[in-house]
Protein backbone atom coordinates (compact mmCIF):
# COMPACT_ATOMS: atom_id res chain seq x y z
CA MET A 1 -84.95 -92.90 -123.39
CA PRO A 2 -81.95 -94.77 -124.83
CA LEU A 3 -82.25 -96.27 -128.26
CA LEU A 4 -81.40 -100.11 -128.50
CA LEU A 5 -79.99 -101.12 -131.83
CA GLU A 6 -79.59 -104.77 -132.61
CA ILE A 7 -77.01 -105.33 -135.28
CA LYS A 8 -76.37 -108.68 -137.06
CA SER A 9 -72.83 -109.82 -138.19
CA GLY A 10 -71.72 -107.80 -141.39
CA ASP A 11 -74.74 -105.31 -141.07
CA LYS A 12 -73.64 -101.53 -141.32
CA LEU A 13 -75.13 -98.48 -139.85
CA MET A 14 -74.28 -94.81 -139.82
CA ILE A 15 -73.91 -92.85 -136.77
CA ASN A 16 -73.21 -89.09 -137.09
CA GLY A 17 -71.74 -89.72 -140.39
CA ALA A 18 -69.61 -92.63 -139.30
CA VAL A 19 -70.03 -95.90 -141.08
CA ILE A 20 -69.95 -98.77 -138.36
CA GLU A 21 -70.00 -102.44 -139.33
CA CYS A 22 -70.49 -105.36 -136.90
CA ALA A 23 -67.40 -107.39 -137.57
CA GLY A 24 -68.17 -110.03 -134.97
CA GLY A 25 -71.26 -111.93 -134.17
CA ALA A 26 -74.81 -110.28 -133.27
CA THR A 27 -74.51 -107.39 -131.00
CA ARG A 28 -76.72 -104.88 -129.24
CA LEU A 29 -75.77 -101.13 -128.73
CA LEU A 30 -77.52 -98.84 -126.49
CA VAL A 31 -77.55 -95.32 -127.69
CA HIS A 32 -77.78 -92.74 -124.77
CA ASN A 33 -77.83 -89.49 -126.40
CA GLN A 34 -78.98 -87.66 -129.58
CA ALA A 35 -77.52 -88.93 -132.74
CA ALA A 36 -78.32 -89.24 -136.32
CA ILE A 37 -78.47 -92.96 -136.99
CA LEU A 38 -79.40 -94.90 -140.25
CA ARG A 39 -79.27 -98.42 -140.95
CA GLU A 40 -77.59 -99.63 -144.11
CA LYS A 41 -81.03 -100.21 -145.76
CA GLU A 42 -82.00 -96.54 -145.30
CA VAL A 43 -78.73 -95.17 -146.72
CA MET A 44 -78.89 -93.99 -150.16
CA THR A 45 -75.70 -93.08 -152.12
CA ASP A 46 -75.13 -90.40 -154.39
CA ASP A 47 -75.05 -92.76 -157.30
CA GLU A 48 -78.49 -94.02 -156.35
CA ALA A 49 -80.16 -90.55 -156.20
CA VAL A 50 -81.07 -90.57 -160.03
CA THR A 51 -84.98 -89.90 -159.76
CA PRO A 52 -86.79 -86.78 -158.61
CA ALA A 53 -88.01 -88.72 -155.38
CA SER A 54 -84.53 -90.19 -154.70
CA ARG A 55 -82.86 -86.89 -154.81
CA ILE A 56 -85.37 -85.49 -152.20
CA TYR A 57 -84.44 -88.54 -150.08
CA PHE A 58 -80.70 -88.01 -150.44
CA ALA A 59 -80.77 -84.13 -149.82
CA LEU A 60 -82.73 -84.90 -146.63
CA GLN A 61 -80.53 -87.68 -145.53
CA CYS A 62 -77.62 -85.45 -146.01
CA ALA A 63 -79.22 -82.75 -143.96
CA TYR A 64 -79.82 -85.38 -141.36
CA VAL A 65 -76.43 -87.01 -141.26
CA PHE A 66 -74.37 -83.88 -141.86
CA PRO A 67 -75.36 -80.93 -139.64
CA ALA A 68 -72.52 -78.63 -140.41
CA GLN A 69 -73.88 -78.29 -143.86
CA ARG A 70 -77.66 -78.97 -143.02
CA GLU A 71 -79.03 -75.53 -144.32
CA ARG A 72 -77.37 -76.34 -147.81
CA TYR A 73 -78.80 -79.68 -147.94
CA LEU A 74 -82.33 -78.40 -146.76
CA MET A 75 -82.28 -75.76 -149.68
CA MET A 76 -81.63 -78.64 -152.15
CA PHE A 77 -84.36 -80.67 -150.52
CA SER A 78 -86.89 -77.78 -150.86
CA HIS A 79 -86.03 -77.06 -154.35
CA TYR A 80 -86.30 -80.75 -155.52
CA LEU A 81 -89.59 -81.28 -153.46
CA ARG A 82 -91.05 -78.04 -155.30
CA GLU A 83 -90.24 -79.37 -158.63
CA TYR A 84 -91.54 -82.85 -157.84
CA LEU A 85 -94.95 -81.34 -156.64
CA GLN A 86 -95.16 -79.19 -159.71
CA ALA A 87 -94.83 -82.47 -161.70
CA CYS A 88 -96.78 -84.70 -159.41
CA PRO A 89 -99.31 -82.67 -157.37
CA SER A 90 -100.83 -86.16 -156.19
CA ALA A 91 -97.73 -86.23 -153.66
CA GLU A 92 -99.06 -83.34 -151.76
CA PRO A 93 -100.33 -85.34 -148.64
CA ILE A 94 -96.84 -86.85 -148.34
CA ALA A 95 -95.21 -83.70 -148.90
CA THR A 96 -97.19 -81.98 -146.16
CA ILE A 97 -96.36 -84.39 -143.54
CA MET A 98 -92.60 -84.49 -144.65
CA VAL A 99 -92.30 -80.72 -144.62
CA ASP A 100 -94.01 -80.40 -141.18
CA ALA A 101 -91.62 -82.92 -139.78
CA VAL A 102 -88.48 -81.27 -141.22
CA THR A 103 -90.02 -77.89 -140.01
CA LYS A 104 -90.03 -79.10 -136.60
CA GLY A 105 -86.63 -80.34 -136.89
CA ASN A 106 -87.32 -84.09 -137.05
CA LEU A 107 -85.28 -84.91 -140.03
CA TYR A 108 -85.66 -88.59 -139.29
CA GLN A 109 -89.45 -88.35 -139.40
CA GLY A 110 -89.04 -86.45 -142.55
CA LEU A 111 -86.97 -89.25 -144.05
CA LYS A 112 -89.57 -91.68 -143.32
CA GLN A 113 -92.13 -89.74 -145.46
CA ALA A 114 -89.47 -89.21 -148.13
CA TYR A 115 -89.15 -92.94 -148.24
CA LYS A 116 -92.87 -93.02 -148.71
CA LEU A 117 -92.50 -90.64 -151.61
CA LEU A 118 -90.16 -93.06 -153.35
CA GLY A 119 -92.99 -95.68 -153.42
CA HIS A 120 -95.40 -92.94 -154.60
CA GLU A 121 -93.09 -92.13 -157.45
CA GLY A 122 -92.79 -95.75 -158.38
CA ASP A 123 -96.44 -96.10 -158.33
CA VAL A 124 -96.79 -93.07 -160.62
CA LEU A 125 -94.42 -94.42 -163.16
CA ARG A 126 -95.97 -97.94 -163.13
CA GLN A 127 -99.52 -96.40 -163.81
CA PHE A 128 -97.84 -94.22 -166.62
CA GLU A 129 -96.15 -97.25 -168.25
CA THR A 130 -99.57 -99.22 -167.98
CA ASP A 131 -101.43 -96.18 -169.52
CA LEU A 132 -99.07 -95.76 -172.30
CA LYS A 133 -99.16 -99.70 -173.19
CA THR A 134 -103.05 -99.49 -173.29
CA GLU A 135 -102.76 -96.30 -175.70
CA ILE A 136 -100.24 -98.14 -177.95
CA GLU A 137 -102.53 -101.28 -178.09
CA HIS A 138 -105.50 -99.03 -178.95
CA ALA A 139 -103.78 -97.24 -181.59
CA ALA A 140 -102.44 -100.55 -183.28
CA ALA A 141 -105.99 -102.03 -183.12
CA GLU A 142 -107.54 -99.19 -184.98
CA PRO A 143 -107.99 -99.62 -188.81
CA GLY A 144 -104.66 -98.28 -190.29
CA GLY A 145 -103.32 -97.69 -186.90
CA ASP A 146 -99.49 -97.40 -186.57
CA ALA A 147 -98.00 -98.71 -183.19
CA PRO A 148 -94.34 -97.59 -182.66
């Protein structure tokens, strides 16, 4: 079944590693064969891959878009995911679905789960920040307490 893409003027997308930009008015493309397609909002640059979850996403994105180097990027993906799960076991349900998709060769579905992992990472970091602030406030409120 063909994939219909609607692209607005100025929008970019990546098809099999090539960046394509809509230079005119809005357009519709019909893709009839298998292709690695990412919309601009789904693309992460190397410079943006600065957190553990973003490195997982970036490695999987590269495996999806650059099939000639897929094995290399999948090894990176596996390494980063193992490290993430050691530090944050609460991500196991997301990781299980992601790995299942990747194992079945559905890298795009794996990327969708990696995107969820980015949200999980943000939630964990926000909770850590909240807990840290609470601890600092409690320490400062105690008699003789010092807050940093």
